[in-house]
Amino acid sequence: MTDDLANLNKWLIDNKSSINVKMTKFLIFSKQKIITQSDDFSLQIENSKIERVNCVKYLNRTLDEHLNWNRNVTLLNAKAASCPYIFKTLFIHCAVQDSLSLH
């Protein structure tokens, strides 16, 4: 895997591009319920270690190591729960603005 990353990095440099290692993360997918966070598995690009994460947000969807939708659904529910408050606030603000323009 490290050789593949080295080849990818070389190709990117040859094509005048690069990987932002500080923003790069990796995730291991598995059907097992328990995935060990072993310290012996790591990825590096030019001596910079890539961070391993349990979940990642990609294309506005949250993917976890088990390809489970629970975290994504929880985040969507939290966003949906805040919508009534936003609409109520907008309605009150618009009502005040309309009544001021009528006078």
C-alpha atoms as a PDB file:
ATOM      1  CA  MET A   1       0.000   0.000   0.000  1.00  0.00           C
ATOM      2  CA  THR A   2       2.831   2.390   0.833  1.00  0.00           C
ATOM      3  CA  ASP A   3       4.412   1.718  -2.576  1.00  0.00           C
ATOM      4  CA  ASP A   4       1.121   2.592  -4.262  1.00  0.00           C
ATOM      5  CA  LEU A   5       0.969   5.865  -2.336  1.00  0.00           C
ATOM      6  CA  ALA A   6       4.570   6.625  -3.284  1.00  0.00           C
ATOM      7  CA  ASN A   7       3.745   5.968  -6.961  1.00  0.00           C
ATOM      8  CA  LEU A   8       0.640   8.150  -6.708  1.00  0.00           C
ATOM      9  CA  ASN A   9       2.643  10.947  -5.078  1.00  0.00           C
ATOM     10  CA  LYS A  10       5.327  10.705  -7.779  1.00  0.00           C
ATOM     11  CA  TRP A  11       2.657  10.868 -10.498  1.00  0.00           C
ATOM     12  CA  LEU A  12       1.080  13.908  -8.860  1.00  0.00           C
ATOM     13  CA  ILE A  13       4.440  15.686  -8.605  1.00  0.00           C
ATOM     14  CA  ASP A  14       5.231  14.841 -12.249  1.00  0.00           C
ATOM     15  CA  ASN A  15       1.872  16.387 -13.189  1.00  0.00           C
ATOM     16  CA  LYS A  16       2.461  19.481 -11.038  1.00  0.00           C
ATOM     17  CA  SER A  17      -0.070  18.588  -8.370  1.00  0.00           C
ATOM     18  CA  SER A  18       0.050  17.349  -4.784  1.00  0.00           C
ATOM     19  CA  ILE A  19      -1.869  15.782  -1.915  1.00  0.00           C
ATOM     20  CA  ASN A  20      -2.672  17.887   1.123  1.00  0.00           C
ATOM     21  CA  VAL A  21      -1.593  15.343   3.749  1.00  0.00           C
ATOM     22  CA  LYS A  22      -3.011  17.446   6.604  1.00  0.00           C
ATOM     23  CA  MET A  23      -6.509  17.091   5.143  1.00  0.00           C
ATOM     24  CA  THR A  24      -6.116  13.500   3.918  1.00  0.00           C
ATOM     25  CA  LYS A  25      -7.648  10.746   6.012  1.00  0.00           C
ATOM     26  CA  PHE A  26      -8.137   7.015   5.525  1.00  0.00           C
ATOM     27  CA  LEU A  27     -10.865   4.640   6.555  1.00  0.00           C
ATOM     28  CA  ILE A  28     -10.927   0.832   6.643  1.00  0.00           C
ATOM     29  CA  PHE A  29     -14.260  -0.731   5.673  1.00  0.00           C
ATOM     30  CA  SER A  30     -15.305  -4.023   7.246  1.00  0.00           C
ATOM     31  CA  LYS A  31     -18.442  -6.063   7.885  1.00  0.00           C
ATOM     32  CA  GLN A  32     -17.144  -7.059  11.326  1.00  0.00           C
ATOM     33  CA  LYS A  33     -18.778  -5.365  14.303  1.00  0.00           C
ATOM     34  CA  ILE A  34     -15.428  -4.661  15.945  1.00  0.00           C
ATOM     35  CA  ILE A  35     -12.530  -3.179  14.017  1.00  0.00           C
ATOM     36  CA  THR A  36      -9.324  -2.931  15.970  1.00  0.00           C
ATOM     37  CA  GLN A  37      -7.442   0.332  15.871  1.00  0.00           C
ATOM     38  CA  SER A  38      -4.076  -1.369  15.578  1.00  0.00           C
ATOM     39  CA  ASP A  39      -1.126   0.966  15.733  1.00  0.00           C
ATOM     40  CA  ASP A  40       0.968  -1.188  13.408  1.00  0.00           C
ATOM     41  CA  PHE A  41      -1.103  -0.239  10.347  1.00  0.00           C
ATOM     42  CA  SER A  42      -0.344   3.230   9.079  1.00  0.00           C
ATOM     43  CA  LEU A  43      -0.083   5.066   5.794  1.00  0.00           C
ATOM     44  CA  GLN A  44       2.526   7.672   4.981  1.00  0.00           C
ATOM     45  CA  ILE A  45       3.289  10.001   2.127  1.00  0.00           C
ATOM     46  CA  GLU A  46       6.788  11.474   2.169  1.00  0.00           C
ATOM     47  CA  ASN A  47       7.236  10.721   5.888  1.00  0.00           C
ATOM     48  CA  SER A  48       3.915  12.383   6.763  1.00  0.00           C
ATOM     49  CA  LYS A  49       1.506  10.057   8.505  1.00  0.00           C
ATOM     50  CA  ILE A  50      -2.070   9.945   7.193  1.00  0.00           C
ATOM     51  CA  GLU A  51      -4.706   9.993   9.932  1.00  0.00           C
ATOM     52  CA  ARG A  52      -7.012   6.998  10.326  1.00  0.00           C
ATOM     53  CA  VAL A  53     -10.648   7.834  11.111  1.00  0.00           C
ATOM     54  CA  ASN A  54     -13.803   5.851  11.948  1.00  0.00           C
ATOM     55  CA  CYS A  55     -16.077   7.906   9.738  1.00  0.00           C
ATOM     56  CA  VAL A  56     -15.746  10.510   7.034  1.00  0.00           C
ATOM     57  CA  LYS A  57     -18.062  12.996   5.354  1.00  0.00           C
ATOM     58  CA  TYR A  58     -17.972  12.548   1.573  1.00  0.00           C
ATOM     59  CA  LEU A  59     -20.343  14.123  -0.947  1.00  0.00           C
ATOM     60  CA  ASN A  60     -22.484  15.375   1.948  1.00  0.00           C
ATOM     61  CA  ARG A  61     -22.937  11.829   3.279  1.00  0.00           C
ATOM     62  CA  THR A  62     -21.329  10.368   6.374  1.00  0.00           C
ATOM     63  CA  LEU A  63     -19.641   7.010   5.798  1.00  0.00           C
ATOM     64  CA  ASP A  64     -18.455   4.901   8.694  1.00  0.00           C
ATOM     65  CA  GLU A  65     -16.183   1.865   8.817  1.00  0.00           C
ATOM     66  CA  HIS A  66     -19.157  -0.557   8.711  1.00  0.00           C
ATOM     67  CA  LEU A  67     -20.941   1.275   5.862  1.00  0.00           C
ATOM     68  CA  ASN A  68     -23.741   1.923   8.321  1.00  0.00           C
ATOM     69  CA  TRP A  69     -26.232   4.767   7.736  1.00  0.00           C
ATOM     70  CA  ASN A  70     -26.982   5.403  11.442  1.00  0.00           C
ATOM     71  CA  ARG A  71     -24.583   8.340  11.821  1.00  0.00           C
ATOM     72  CA  ASN A  72     -25.812   9.921   8.583  1.00  0.00           C
ATOM     73  CA  VAL A  73     -29.468   9.552   9.644  1.00  0.00           C
ATOM     74  CA  THR A  74     -28.687  11.060  13.065  1.00  0.00           C
ATOM     75  CA  LEU A  75     -27.077  14.105  11.436  1.00  0.00           C
ATOM     76  CA  LEU A  76     -30.012  14.540   9.040  1.00  0.00           C
ATOM     77  CA  ASN A  77     -32.484  14.293  11.933  1.00  0.00           C
ATOM     78  CA  ALA A  78     -30.581  16.994  13.816  1.00  0.00           C
ATOM     79  CA  LYS A  79     -30.723  19.271  10.758  1.00  0.00           C
ATOM     80  CA  ALA A  80     -34.423  18.598  10.247  1.00  0.00           C
ATOM     81  CA  ALA A  81     -35.163  19.317  13.908  1.00  0.00           C
ATOM     82  CA  SER A  82     -33.671  22.798  13.580  1.00  0.00           C
ATOM     83  CA  CYS A  83     -35.854  23.704  10.560  1.00  0.00           C
ATOM     84  CA  PRO A  84     -39.063  24.553  12.491  1.00  0.00           C
ATOM     85  CA  TYR A  85     -37.131  27.034  14.619  1.00  0.00           C
ATOM     86  CA  ILE A  86     -35.663  28.663  11.509  1.00  0.00           C
ATOM     87  CA  PHE A  87     -39.067  28.908   9.796  1.00  0.00           C
ATOM     88  CA  LYS A  88     -40.690  30.323  12.948  1.00  0.00           C
ATOM     89  CA  THR A  89     -37.938  32.950  13.249  1.00  0.00           C
ATOM     90  CA  LEU A  90     -38.235  33.873   9.569  1.00  0.00           C
ATOM     91  CA  PHE A  91     -42.031  34.083   9.828  1.00  0.00           C
ATOM     92  CA  ILE A  92     -41.852  36.418  12.843  1.00  0.00           C
ATOM     93  CA  HIS A  93     -39.181  38.565  11.165  1.00  0.00           C
ATOM     94  CA  CYS A  94     -41.156  38.771   7.913  1.00  0.00           C
ATOM     95  CA  ALA A  95     -44.370  39.587   9.775  1.00  0.00           C
ATOM     96  CA  VAL A  96     -42.658  42.481  11.601  1.00  0.00           C
ATOM     97  CA  GLN A  97     -41.156  43.802   8.351  1.00  0.00           C
ATOM     98  CA  ASP A  98     -44.535  43.607   6.551  1.00  0.00           C
ATOM     99  CA  SER A  99     -46.388  45.393   9.344  1.00  0.00           C
ATOM    100  CA  LEU A 100     -43.741  48.157   9.394  1.00  0.00           C
ATOM    101  CA  SER A 101     -44.029  48.666   5.642  1.00  0.00           C
ATOM    102  CA  LEU A 102     -47.835  48.970   5.900  1.00  0.00           C
ATOM    103  CA  HIS A 103     -47.637  51.922   8.323  1.00  0.00           C
END
